[in-house]
Amino acid sequence: IAQHESSLNPAAANLKASGGNLAKTPLGLMQMLPSTFAAHAQPGRGN
């Protein structure tokens, strides 16, 4: 999944997928939306 989502790049940011909507920009290794990440991140593990 990580290979396909970000090419294994933990700093990946997919601006094209969000159509310029920053709140919907997939980020990171697994290309998570900020809202999805916030809902599923472990306490104290918010980066």
ModelCIF file with pLDDT and N, C-alpha, C, O atoms, coordinates in Angstrom:
data_MODEL
#
_entry.id   MODEL 
#
_entity.id                         1 
_entity.type                       polymer 
_entity.pdbx_number_of_molecules   1 
#
_entity_poly.entity_id                      1 
_entity_poly.type                           'polypeptide(L)' 
_entity_poly.nstd_linkage                   no 
_entity_poly.nstd_monomer                   no 
_entity_poly.pdbx_seq_one_letter_code       IAQHESSLNPAAANLKASGGNLAKTPLGLMQMLPSTFAAHAQPGRGN 
_entity_poly.pdbx_seq_one_letter_code_can   IAQHESSLNPAAANLKASGGNLAKTPLGLMQMLPSTFAAHAQPGRGN 
_entity_poly.pdbx_strand_id                 A 
#
loop_
_entity_poly_seq.entity_id 
_entity_poly_seq.num 
_entity_poly_seq.mon_id 
_entity_poly_seq.hetero 
1 1  ILE n 
1 2  ALA n 
1 3  GLN n 
1 4  HIS n 
1 5  GLU n 
1 6  SER n 
1 7  SER n 
1 8  LEU n 
1 9  ASN n 
1 10 PRO n 
1 11 ALA n 
1 12 ALA n 
1 13 ALA n 
1 14 ASN n 
1 15 LEU n 
1 16 LYS n 
1 17 ALA n 
1 18 SER n 
1 19 GLY n 
1 20 GLY n 
1 21 ASN n 
1 22 LEU n 
1 23 ALA n 
1 24 LYS n 
1 25 THR n 
1 26 PRO n 
1 27 LEU n 
1 28 GLY n 
1 29 LEU n 
1 30 MET n 
1 31 GLN n 
1 32 MET n 
1 33 LEU n 
1 34 PRO n 
1 35 SER n 
1 36 THR n 
1 37 PHE n 
1 38 ALA n 
1 39 ALA n 
1 40 HIS n 
1 41 ALA n 
1 42 GLN n 
1 43 PRO n 
1 44 GLY n 
1 45 ARG n 
1 46 GLY n 
1 47 ASN n 
#
_struct_asym.id          A 
_struct_asym.entity_id   1 
#
loop_
_ma_qa_metric.id 
_ma_qa_metric.mode 
_ma_qa_metric.name 
_ma_qa_metric.software_group_id 
_ma_qa_metric.type 
1 global pLDDT . pLDDT 
2 local  pLDDT . pLDDT 
#
_ma_qa_metric_global.metric_id      1 
_ma_qa_metric_global.metric_value   92.68 
_ma_qa_metric_global.model_id       1 
_ma_qa_metric_global.ordinal_id     1 
#
loop_
_ma_qa_metric_local.label_asym_id 
_ma_qa_metric_local.label_comp_id 
_ma_qa_metric_local.label_seq_id 
_ma_qa_metric_local.metric_id 
_ma_qa_metric_local.metric_value 
_ma_qa_metric_local.model_id 
_ma_qa_metric_local.ordinal_id 
A ILE 1  2 98.00 1 1  
A ALA 2  2 98.00 1 2  
A GLN 3  2 97.00 1 3  
A HIS 4  2 97.00 1 4  
A GLU 5  2 97.00 1 5  
A SER 6  2 96.00 1 6  
A SER 7  2 96.00 1 7  
A LEU 8  2 96.00 1 8  
A ASN 9  2 95.00 1 9  
A PRO 10 2 94.00 1 10 
A ALA 11 2 92.00 1 11 
A ALA 12 2 93.00 1 12 
A ALA 13 2 92.00 1 13 
A ASN 14 2 92.00 1 14 
A LEU 15 2 88.00 1 15 
A LYS 16 2 90.00 1 16 
A ALA 17 2 87.00 1 17 
A SER 18 2 85.00 1 18 
A GLY 19 2 84.00 1 19 
A GLY 20 2 76.00 1 20 
A ASN 21 2 81.00 1 21 
A LEU 22 2 78.00 1 22 
A ALA 23 2 84.00 1 23 
A LYS 24 2 89.00 1 24 
A THR 25 2 93.00 1 25 
A PRO 26 2 95.00 1 26 
A LEU 27 2 95.00 1 27 
A GLY 28 2 96.00 1 28 
A LEU 29 2 96.00 1 29 
A MET 30 2 98.00 1 30 
A GLN 31 2 97.00 1 31 
A MET 32 2 96.00 1 32 
A LEU 33 2 95.00 1 33 
A PRO 34 2 95.00 1 34 
A SER 35 2 94.00 1 35 
A THR 36 2 96.00 1 36 
A PHE 37 2 97.00 1 37 
A ALA 38 2 95.00 1 38 
A ALA 39 2 96.00 1 39 
A HIS 40 2 97.00 1 40 
A ALA 41 2 96.00 1 41 
A GLN 42 2 95.00 1 42 
A PRO 43 2 94.00 1 43 
A GLY 44 2 91.00 1 44 
A ARG 45 2 91.00 1 45 
A GLY 46 2 90.00 1 46 
A ASN 47 2 93.00 1 47 
#
loop_
_atom_site.group_PDB 
_atom_site.id 
_atom_site.type_symbol 
_atom_site.label_atom_id 
_atom_site.label_alt_id 
_atom_site.label_comp_id 
_atom_site.label_asym_id 
_atom_site.label_entity_id 
_atom_site.label_seq_id 
_atom_site.pdbx_PDB_ins_code 
_atom_site.Cartn_x 
_atom_site.Cartn_y 
_atom_site.Cartn_z 
_atom_site.occupancy 
_atom_site.B_iso_or_equiv 
_atom_site.pdbx_formal_charge 
_atom_site.auth_seq_id 
_atom_site.auth_comp_id 
_atom_site.auth_asym_id 
_atom_site.auth_atom_id 
_atom_site.pdbx_PDB_model_num 
ATOM 1   N N  . ILE A 1 1  ? 0.846  -1.198 0.000  1.00 98.00 ? 1  ILE A N  1 
ATOM 2   C CA . ILE A 1 1  ? 0.000  0.000  0.000  1.00 98.00 ? 1  ILE A CA 1 
ATOM 3   C C  . ILE A 1 1  ? 0.880  1.247  0.000  1.00 98.00 ? 1  ILE A C  1 
ATOM 4   O O  . ILE A 1 1  ? 0.655  2.165  -0.788 1.00 98.00 ? 1  ILE A O  1 
ATOM 5   N N  . ALA A 1 2  ? 1.880  1.283  0.879  1.00 98.00 ? 2  ALA A N  1 
ATOM 6   C CA . ALA A 1 2  ? 2.777  2.445  0.958  1.00 98.00 ? 2  ALA A CA 1 
ATOM 7   C C  . ALA A 1 2  ? 3.530  2.663  -0.355 1.00 98.00 ? 2  ALA A C  1 
ATOM 8   O O  . ALA A 1 2  ? 3.733  3.802  -0.774 1.00 98.00 ? 2  ALA A O  1 
ATOM 9   N N  . GLN A 1 3  ? 3.940  1.582  -0.996 1.00 97.00 ? 3  GLN A N  1 
ATOM 10  C CA . GLN A 1 3  ? 4.632  1.707  -2.291 1.00 97.00 ? 3  GLN A CA 1 
ATOM 11  C C  . GLN A 1 3  ? 3.740  2.391  -3.320 1.00 97.00 ? 3  GLN A C  1 
ATOM 12  O O  . GLN A 1 3  ? 4.187  3.267  -4.060 1.00 97.00 ? 3  GLN A O  1 
ATOM 13  N N  . HIS A 1 4  ? 2.487  1.986  -3.358 1.00 97.00 ? 4  HIS A N  1 
ATOM 14  C CA . HIS A 1 4  ? 1.557  2.539  -4.341 1.00 97.00 ? 4  HIS A CA 1 
ATOM 15  C C  . HIS A 1 4  ? 1.070  3.931  -3.965 1.00 97.00 ? 4  HIS A C  1 
ATOM 16  O O  . HIS A 1 4  ? 0.850  4.765  -4.843 1.00 97.00 ? 4  HIS A O  1 
ATOM 17  N N  . GLU A 1 5  ? 0.901  4.192  -2.689 1.00 97.00 ? 5  GLU A N  1 
ATOM 18  C CA . GLU A 1 5  ? 0.352  5.472  -2.253 1.00 97.00 ? 5  GLU A CA 1 
ATOM 19  C C  . GLU A 1 5  ? 1.384  6.603  -2.311 1.00 97.00 ? 5  GLU A C  1 
ATOM 20  O O  . GLU A 1 5  ? 1.055  7.708  -2.742 1.00 97.00 ? 5  GLU A O  1 
ATOM 21  N N  . SER A 1 6  ? 2.629  6.345  -1.885 1.00 96.00 ? 6  SER A N  1 
ATOM 22  C CA . SER A 1 6  ? 3.606  7.434  -1.743 1.00 96.00 ? 6  SER A CA 1 
ATOM 23  C C  . SER A 1 6  ? 4.979  7.110  -2.312 1.00 96.00 ? 6  SER A C  1 
ATOM 24  O O  . SER A 1 6  ? 5.899  7.917  -2.172 1.00 96.00 ? 6  SER A O  1 
ATOM 25  N N  . SER A 1 7  ? 5.144  5.973  -2.939 1.00 96.00 ? 7  SER A N  1 
ATOM 26  C CA . SER A 1 7  ? 6.464  5.508  -3.369 1.00 96.00 ? 7  SER A CA 1 
ATOM 27  C C  . SER A 1 7  ? 7.421  5.434  -2.177 1.00 96.00 ? 7  SER A C  1 
ATOM 28  O O  . SER A 1 7  ? 8.621  5.672  -2.313 1.00 96.00 ? 7  SER A O  1 
ATOM 29  N N  . LEU A 1 8  ? 6.874  5.103  -1.018 1.00 96.00 ? 8  LEU A N  1 
ATOM 30  C CA . LEU A 1 8  ? 7.603  4.947  0.247  1.00 96.00 ? 8  LEU A CA 1 
ATOM 31  C C  . LEU A 1 8  ? 8.200  6.261  0.756  1.00 96.00 ? 8  LEU A C  1 
ATOM 32  O O  . LEU A 1 8  ? 9.192  6.253  1.485  1.00 96.00 ? 8  LEU A O  1 
ATOM 33  N N  . ASN A 1 9  ? 7.604  7.371  0.379  1.00 95.00 ? 9  ASN A N  1 
ATOM 34  C CA . ASN A 1 9  ? 8.086  8.695  0.792  1.00 95.00 ? 9  ASN A CA 1 
ATOM 35  C C  . ASN A 1 9  ? 7.217  9.234  1.930  1.00 95.00 ? 9  ASN A C  1 
ATOM 36  O O  . ASN A 1 9  ? 6.064  9.598  1.698  1.00 95.00 ? 9  ASN A O  1 
ATOM 37  N N  . PRO A 1 10 ? 7.749  9.293  3.156  1.00 94.00 ? 10 PRO A N  1 
ATOM 38  C CA . PRO A 1 10 ? 6.960  9.778  4.290  1.00 94.00 ? 10 PRO A CA 1 
ATOM 39  C C  . PRO A 1 10 ? 6.602  11.263 4.192  1.00 94.00 ? 10 PRO A C  1 
ATOM 40  O O  . PRO A 1 10 ? 5.747  11.736 4.940  1.00 94.00 ? 10 PRO A O  1 
ATOM 41  N N  . ALA A 1 11 ? 7.233  11.995 3.293  1.00 92.00 ? 11 ALA A N  1 
ATOM 42  C CA . ALA A 1 11 ? 6.944  13.428 3.144  1.00 92.00 ? 11 ALA A CA 1 
ATOM 43  C C  . ALA A 1 11 ? 6.043  13.712 1.940  1.00 92.00 ? 11 ALA A C  1 
ATOM 44  O O  . ALA A 1 11 ? 5.871  14.871 1.562  1.00 92.00 ? 11 ALA A O  1 
ATOM 45  N N  . ALA A 1 12 ? 5.472  12.680 1.338  1.00 93.00 ? 12 ALA A N  1 
ATOM 46  C CA . ALA A 1 12 ? 4.645  12.869 0.151  1.00 93.00 ? 12 ALA A CA 1 
ATOM 47  C C  . ALA A 1 12 ? 3.421  13.722 0.461  1.00 93.00 ? 12 ALA A C  1 
ATOM 48  O O  . ALA A 1 12 ? 2.770  13.552 1.492  1.00 93.00 ? 12 ALA A O  1 
ATOM 49  N N  . ALA A 1 13 ? 3.121  14.642 -0.450 1.00 92.00 ? 13 ALA A N  1 
ATOM 50  C CA . ALA A 1 13 ? 1.929  15.494 -0.368 1.00 92.00 ? 13 ALA A CA 1 
ATOM 51  C C  . ALA A 1 13 ? 1.319  15.530 -1.762 1.00 92.00 ? 13 ALA A C  1 
ATOM 52  O O  . ALA A 1 13 ? 1.966  15.983 -2.706 1.00 92.00 ? 13 ALA A O  1 
ATOM 53  N N  . ASN A 1 14 ? 0.087  15.060 -1.905 1.00 92.00 ? 14 ASN A N  1 
ATOM 54  C CA . ASN A 1 14 ? -0.547 14.948 -3.205 1.00 92.00 ? 14 ASN A CA 1 
ATOM 55  C C  . ASN A 1 14 ? -1.531 16.090 -3.426 1.00 92.00 ? 14 ASN A C  1 
ATOM 56  O O  . ASN A 1 14 ? -2.733 15.942 -3.205 1.00 92.00 ? 14 ASN A O  1 
ATOM 57  N N  . LEU A 1 15 ? -1.004 17.230 -3.865 1.00 88.00 ? 15 LEU A N  1 
ATOM 58  C CA . LEU A 1 15 ? -1.848 18.401 -4.116 1.00 88.00 ? 15 LEU A CA 1 
ATOM 59  C C  . LEU A 1 15 ? -2.811 18.179 -5.273 1.00 88.00 ? 15 LEU A C  1 
ATOM 60  O O  . LEU A 1 15 ? -3.920 18.712 -5.262 1.00 88.00 ? 15 LEU A O  1 
ATOM 61  N N  . LYS A 1 16 ? -2.405 17.404 -6.265 1.00 90.00 ? 16 LYS A N  1 
ATOM 62  C CA . LYS A 1 16 ? -3.284 17.158 -7.417 1.00 90.00 ? 16 LYS A CA 1 
ATOM 63  C C  . LYS A 1 16 ? -4.536 16.404 -7.002 1.00 90.00 ? 16 LYS A C  1 
ATOM 64  O O  . LYS A 1 16 ? -5.625 16.698 -7.495 1.00 90.00 ? 16 LYS A O  1 
ATOM 65  N N  . ALA A 1 17 ? -4.400 15.439 -6.106 1.00 87.00 ? 17 ALA A N  1 
ATOM 66  C CA . ALA A 1 17 ? -5.552 14.637 -5.688 1.00 87.00 ? 17 ALA A CA 1 
ATOM 67  C C  . ALA A 1 17 ? -6.588 15.463 -4.951 1.00 87.00 ? 17 ALA A C  1 
ATOM 68  O O  . ALA A 1 17 ? -7.772 15.128 -4.958 1.00 87.00 ? 17 ALA A O  1 
ATOM 69  N N  . SER A 1 18 ? -6.153 16.536 -4.319 1.00 85.00 ? 18 SER A N  1 
ATOM 70  C CA . SER A 1 18 ? -7.080 17.347 -3.527 1.00 85.00 ? 18 SER A CA 1 
ATOM 71  C C  . SER A 1 18 ? -7.722 18.458 -4.339 1.00 85.00 ? 18 SER A C  1 
ATOM 72  O O  . SER A 1 18 ? -8.612 19.151 -3.845 1.00 85.00 ? 18 SER A O  1 
ATOM 73  N N  . GLY A 1 19 ? -7.283 18.637 -5.580 1.00 84.00 ? 19 GLY A N  1 
ATOM 74  C CA . GLY A 1 19 ? -7.828 19.717 -6.394 1.00 84.00 ? 19 GLY A CA 1 
ATOM 75  C C  . GLY A 1 19 ? -7.570 21.080 -5.782 1.00 84.00 ? 19 GLY A C  1 
ATOM 76  O O  . GLY A 1 19 ? -8.340 22.015 -6.000 1.00 84.00 ? 19 GLY A O  1 
ATOM 77  N N  . GLY A 1 20 ? -6.494 21.202 -5.018 1.00 76.00 ? 20 GLY A N  1 
ATOM 78  C CA . GLY A 1 20 ? -6.147 22.469 -4.394 1.00 76.00 ? 20 GLY A CA 1 
ATOM 79  C C  . GLY A 1 20 ? -6.793 22.694 -3.037 1.00 76.00 ? 20 GLY A C  1 
ATOM 80  O O  . GLY A 1 20 ? -6.514 23.701 -2.385 1.00 76.00 ? 20 GLY A O  1 
ATOM 81  N N  . ASN A 1 21 ? -7.648 21.783 -2.597 1.00 81.00 ? 21 ASN A N  1 
ATOM 82  C CA . ASN A 1 21 ? -8.289 21.904 -1.287 1.00 81.00 ? 21 ASN A CA 1 
ATOM 83  C C  . ASN A 1 21 ? -7.321 21.356 -0.246 1.00 81.00 ? 21 ASN A C  1 
ATOM 84  O O  . ASN A 1 21 ? -7.134 20.144 -0.134 1.00 81.00 ? 21 ASN A O  1 
ATOM 85  N N  . LEU A 1 22 ? -6.711 22.255 0.508  1.00 78.00 ? 22 LEU A N  1 
ATOM 86  C CA . LEU A 1 22 ? -5.642 21.859 1.426  1.00 78.00 ? 22 LEU A CA 1 
ATOM 87  C C  . LEU A 1 22 ? -6.097 20.904 2.517  1.00 78.00 ? 22 LEU A C  1 
ATOM 88  O O  . LEU A 1 22 ? -5.317 20.059 2.957  1.00 78.00 ? 22 LEU A O  1 
ATOM 89  N N  . ALA A 1 23 ? -7.342 21.020 2.962  1.00 84.00 ? 23 ALA A N  1 
ATOM 90  C CA . ALA A 1 23 ? -7.834 20.121 4.006  1.00 84.00 ? 23 ALA A CA 1 
ATOM 91  C C  . ALA A 1 23 ? -8.022 18.705 3.478  1.00 84.00 ? 23 ALA A C  1 
ATOM 92  O O  . ALA A 1 23 ? -8.189 17.766 4.256  1.00 84.00 ? 23 ALA A O  1 
ATOM 93  N N  . LYS A 1 24 ? -7.994 18.552 2.157  1.00 89.00 ? 24 LYS A N  1 
ATOM 94  C CA . LYS A 1 24 ? -8.187 17.234 1.546  1.00 89.00 ? 24 LYS A CA 1 
ATOM 95  C C  . LYS A 1 24 ? -6.931 16.753 0.824  1.00 89.00 ? 24 LYS A C  1 
ATOM 96  O O  . LYS A 1 24 ? -7.010 15.909 -0.068 1.00 89.00 ? 24 LYS A O  1 
ATOM 97  N N  . THR A 1 25 ? -5.780 17.285 1.207  1.00 93.00 ? 25 THR A N  1 
ATOM 98  C CA . THR A 1 25 ? -4.517 16.875 0.590  1.00 93.00 ? 25 THR A CA 1 
ATOM 99  C C  . THR A 1 25 ? -3.986 15.631 1.294  1.00 93.00 ? 25 THR A C  1 
ATOM 100 O O  . THR A 1 25 ? -3.657 15.692 2.479  1.00 93.00 ? 25 THR A O  1 
ATOM 101 N N  . PRO A 1 26 ? -3.897 14.506 0.588  1.00 95.00 ? 26 PRO A N  1 
ATOM 102 C CA . PRO A 1 26 ? -3.308 13.308 1.188  1.00 95.00 ? 26 PRO A CA 1 
ATOM 103 C C  . PRO A 1 26 ? -1.837 13.550 1.513  1.00 95.00 ? 26 PRO A C  1 
ATOM 104 O O  . PRO A 1 26 ? -1.090 14.107 0.708  1.00 95.00 ? 26 PRO A O  1 
ATOM 105 N N  . LEU A 1 27 ? -1.434 13.117 2.722  1.00 95.00 ? 27 LEU A N  1 
ATOM 106 C CA . LEU A 1 27 ? -0.077 13.371 3.201  1.00 95.00 ? 27 LEU A CA 1 
ATOM 107 C C  . LEU A 1 27 ? 0.564  12.110 3.753  1.00 95.00 ? 27 LEU A C  1 
ATOM 108 O O  . LEU A 1 27 ? -0.105 11.216 4.269  1.00 95.00 ? 27 LEU A O  1 
ATOM 109 N N  . GLY A 1 28 ? 1.874  12.070 3.627  1.00 96.00 ? 28 GLY A N  1 
ATOM 110 C CA . GLY A 1 28 ? 2.663  11.055 4.311  1.00 96.00 ? 28 GLY A CA 1 
ATOM 111 C C  . GLY A 1 28 ? 2.763  9.731  3.588  1.00 96.00 ? 28 GLY A C  1 
ATOM 112 O O  . GLY A 1 28 ? 2.281  9.563  2.468  1.00 96.00 ? 28 GLY A O  1 
ATOM 113 N N  . LEU A 1 29 ? 3.396  8.806  4.259  1.00 96.00 ? 29 LEU A N  1 
ATOM 114 C CA . LEU A 1 29 ? 3.701  7.483  3.730  1.00 96.00 ? 29 LEU A CA 1 
ATOM 115 C C  . LEU A 1 29 ? 2.463  6.766  3.199  1.00 96.00 ? 29 LEU A C  1 
ATOM 116 O O  . LEU A 1 29 ? 2.505  6.166  2.125  1.00 96.00 ? 29 LEU A O  1 
ATOM 117 N N  . MET A 1 30 ? 1.371  6.825  3.941  1.00 98.00 ? 30 MET A N  1 
ATOM 118 C CA . MET A 1 30 ? 0.146  6.123  3.565  1.00 98.00 ? 30 MET A CA 1 
ATOM 119 C C  . MET A 1 30 ? -0.883 7.057  2.931  1.00 98.00 ? 30 MET A C  1 
ATOM 120 O O  . MET A 1 30 ? -2.029 6.663  2.716  1.00 98.00 ? 30 MET A O  1 
ATOM 121 N N  . GLN A 1 31 ? -0.475 8.303  2.630  1.00 97.00 ? 31 GLN A N  1 
ATOM 122 C CA . GLN A 1 31 ? -1.327 9.288  1.960  1.00 97.00 ? 31 GLN A CA 1 
ATOM 123 C C  . GLN A 1 31 ? -2.682 9.443  2.656  1.00 97.00 ? 31 GLN A C  1 
ATOM 124 O O  . GLN A 1 31 ? -3.739 9.226  2.062  1.00 97.00 ? 31 GLN A O  1 
ATOM 125 N N  . MET A 1 32 ? -2.614 9.820  3.915  1.00 96.00 ? 32 MET A N  1 
ATOM 126 C CA . MET A 1 32 ? -3.822 10.003 4.717  1.00 96.00 ? 32 MET A CA 1 
ATOM 127 C C  . MET A 1 32 ? -4.311 11.439 4.613  1.00 96.00 ? 32 MET A C  1 
ATOM 128 O O  . MET A 1 32 ? -3.517 12.379 4.574  1.00 96.00 ? 32 MET A O  1 
ATOM 129 N N  . LEU A 1 33 ? -5.618 11.593 4.569  1.00 95.00 ? 33 LEU A N  1 
ATOM 130 C CA . LEU A 1 33 ? -6.208 12.920 4.676  1.00 95.00 ? 33 LEU A CA 1 
ATOM 131 C C  . LEU A 1 33 ? -6.003 13.404 6.109  1.00 95.00 ? 33 LEU A C  1 
ATOM 132 O O  . LEU A 1 33 ? -6.051 12.596 7.036  1.00 95.00 ? 33 LEU A O  1 
ATOM 133 N N  . PRO A 1 34 ? -5.778 14.695 6.311  1.00 95.00 ? 34 PRO A N  1 
ATOM 134 C CA . PRO A 1 34 ? -5.605 15.189 7.678  1.00 95.00 ? 34 PRO A CA 1 
ATOM 135 C C  . PRO A 1 34 ? -6.763 14.823 8.603  1.00 95.00 ? 34 PRO A C  1 
ATOM 136 O O  . PRO A 1 34 ? -6.539 14.503 9.770  1.00 95.00 ? 34 PRO A O  1 
ATOM 137 N N  . SER A 1 35 ? -7.983 14.865 8.107  1.00 94.00 ? 35 SER A N  1 
ATOM 138 C CA . SER A 1 35 ? -9.137 14.532 8.951  1.00 94.00 ? 35 SER A CA 1 
ATOM 139 C C  . SER A 1 35 ? -9.150 13.048 9.319  1.00 94.00 ? 35 SER A C  1 
ATOM 140 O O  . SER A 1 35 ? -9.486 12.698 10.450 1.00 94.00 ? 35 SER A O  1 
ATOM 141 N N  . THR A 1 36 ? -8.793 12.184 8.388  1.00 96.00 ? 36 THR A N  1 
ATOM 142 C CA . THR A 1 36 ? -8.745 10.747 8.671  1.00 96.00 ? 36 THR A CA 1 
ATOM 143 C C  . THR A 1 36 ? -7.607 10.441 9.636  1.00 96.00 ? 36 THR A C  1 
ATOM 144 O O  . THR A 1 36 ? -7.763 9.641  10.558 1.00 96.00 ? 36 THR A O  1 
ATOM 145 N N  . PHE A 1 37 ? -6.471 11.079 9.418  1.00 97.00 ? 37 PHE A N  1 
ATOM 146 C CA . PHE A 1 37 ? -5.352 10.904 10.338 1.00 97.00 ? 37 PHE A CA 1 
ATOM 147 C C  . PHE A 1 37 ? -5.756 11.333 11.754 1.00 97.00 ? 37 PHE A C  1 
ATOM 148 O O  . PHE A 1 37 ? -5.487 10.618 12.719 1.00 97.00 ? 37 PHE A O  1 
ATOM 149 N N  . ALA A 1 38 ? -6.395 12.487 11.875 1.00 95.00 ? 38 ALA A N  1 
ATOM 150 C CA . ALA A 1 38 ? -6.812 12.995 13.191 1.00 95.00 ? 38 ALA A CA 1 
ATOM 151 C C  . ALA A 1 38 ? -7.758 12.016 13.880 1.00 95.00 ? 38 ALA A C  1 
ATOM 152 O O  . ALA A 1 38 ? -7.688 11.835 15.096 1.00 95.00 ? 38 ALA A O  1 
ATOM 153 N N  . ALA A 1 39 ? -8.632 11.393 13.116 1.00 96.00 ? 39 ALA A N  1 
ATOM 154 C CA . ALA A 1 39 ? -9.602 10.457 13.692 1.00 96.00 ? 39 ALA A CA 1 
ATOM 155 C C  . ALA A 1 39 ? -8.966 9.134  14.117 1.00 96.00 ? 39 ALA A C  1 
ATOM 156 O O  . ALA A 1 39 ? -9.507 8.438  14.977 1.00 96.00 ? 39 ALA A O  1 
ATOM 157 N N  . HIS A 1 40 ? -7.824 8.781  13.525 1.00 97.00 ? 40 HIS A N  1 
ATOM 158 C CA . HIS A 1 40 ? -7.241 7.462  13.776 1.00 97.00 ? 40 HIS A CA 1 
ATOM 159 C C  . HIS A 1 40 ? -5.858 7.482  14.423 1.00 97.00 ? 40 HIS A C  1 
ATOM 160 O O  . HIS A 1 40 ? -5.324 6.422  14.749 1.00 97.00 ? 40 HIS A O  1 
ATOM 161 N N  . ALA A 1 41 ? -5.272 8.650  14.615 1.00 96.00 ? 41 ALA A N  1 
ATOM 162 C CA . ALA A 1 41 ? -3.941 8.731  15.233 1.00 96.00 ? 41 ALA A CA 1 
ATOM 163 C C  . ALA A 1 41 ? -4.007 8.317  16.700 1.00 96.00 ? 41 ALA A C  1 
ATOM 164 O O  . ALA A 1 41 ? -4.991 8.583  17.389 1.00 96.00 ? 41 ALA A O  1 
ATOM 165 N N  . GLN A 1 42 ? -2.962 7.674  17.158 1.00 95.00 ? 42 GLN A N  1 
ATOM 166 C CA . GLN A 1 42 ? -2.878 7.307  18.562 1.00 95.00 ? 42 GLN A CA 1 
ATOM 167 C C  . GLN A 1 42 ? -2.602 8.557  19.393 1.00 95.00 ? 42 GLN A C  1 
ATOM 168 O O  . GLN A 1 42 ? -1.925 9.470  18.921 1.00 95.00 ? 42 GLN A O  1 
ATOM 169 N N  . PRO A 1 43 ? -3.116 8.611  20.621 1.00 94.00 ? 43 PRO A N  1 
ATOM 170 C CA . PRO A 1 43 ? -2.843 9.766  21.488 1.00 94.00 ? 43 PRO A CA 1 
ATOM 171 C C  . PRO A 1 43 ? -1.337 9.998  21.626 1.00 94.00 ? 43 PRO A C  1 
ATOM 172 O O  . PRO A 1 43 ? -0.572 9.067  21.877 1.00 94.00 ? 43 PRO A O  1 
ATOM 173 N N  . GLY A 1 44 ? -0.933 11.251 21.457 1.00 91.00 ? 44 GLY A N  1 
ATOM 174 C CA . GLY A 1 44 ? 0.472  11.606 21.559 1.00 91.00 ? 44 GLY A CA 1 
ATOM 175 C C  . GLY A 1 44 ? 1.288  11.249 20.329 1.00 91.00 ? 44 GLY A C  1 
ATOM 176 O O  . GLY A 1 44 ? 2.507  11.423 20.327 1.00 91.00 ? 44 GLY A O  1 
ATOM 177 N N  . ARG A 1 45 ? 0.645  10.759 19.295 1.00 91.00 ? 45 ARG A N  1 
ATOM 178 C CA . ARG A 1 45 ? 1.326  10.336 18.054 1.00 91.00 ? 45 ARG A CA 1 
ATOM 179 C C  . ARG A 1 45 ? 0.715  11.103 16.883 1.00 91.00 ? 45 ARG A C  1 
ATOM 180 O O  . ARG A 1 45 ? 0.183  10.500 15.950 1.00 91.00 ? 45 ARG A O  1 
ATOM 181 N N  . GLY A 1 46 ? 0.794  12.431 16.934 1.00 90.00 ? 46 GLY A N  1 
ATOM 182 C CA . GLY A 1 46 ? 0.061  13.261 15.996 1.00 90.00 ? 46 GLY A CA 1 
ATOM 183 C C  . GLY A 1 46 ? 0.841  13.890 14.876 1.00 90.00 ? 46 GLY A C  1 
ATOM 184 O O  . GLY A 1 46 ? 0.424  14.927 14.361 1.00 90.00 ? 46 GLY A O  1 
ATOM 185 N N  . ASN A 1 47 ? 1.962  13.311 14.467 1.00 93.00 ? 47 ASN A N  1 
ATOM 186 C CA . ASN A 1 47 ? 2.734  13.893 13.372 1.00 93.00 ? 47 ASN A CA 1 
ATOM 187 C C  . ASN A 1 47 ? 2.434  13.117 12.097 1.00 93.00 ? 47 ASN A C  1 
ATOM 188 O O  . ASN A 1 47 ? 2.977  13.434 11.039 1.00 93.00 ? 47 ASN A O  1 
#
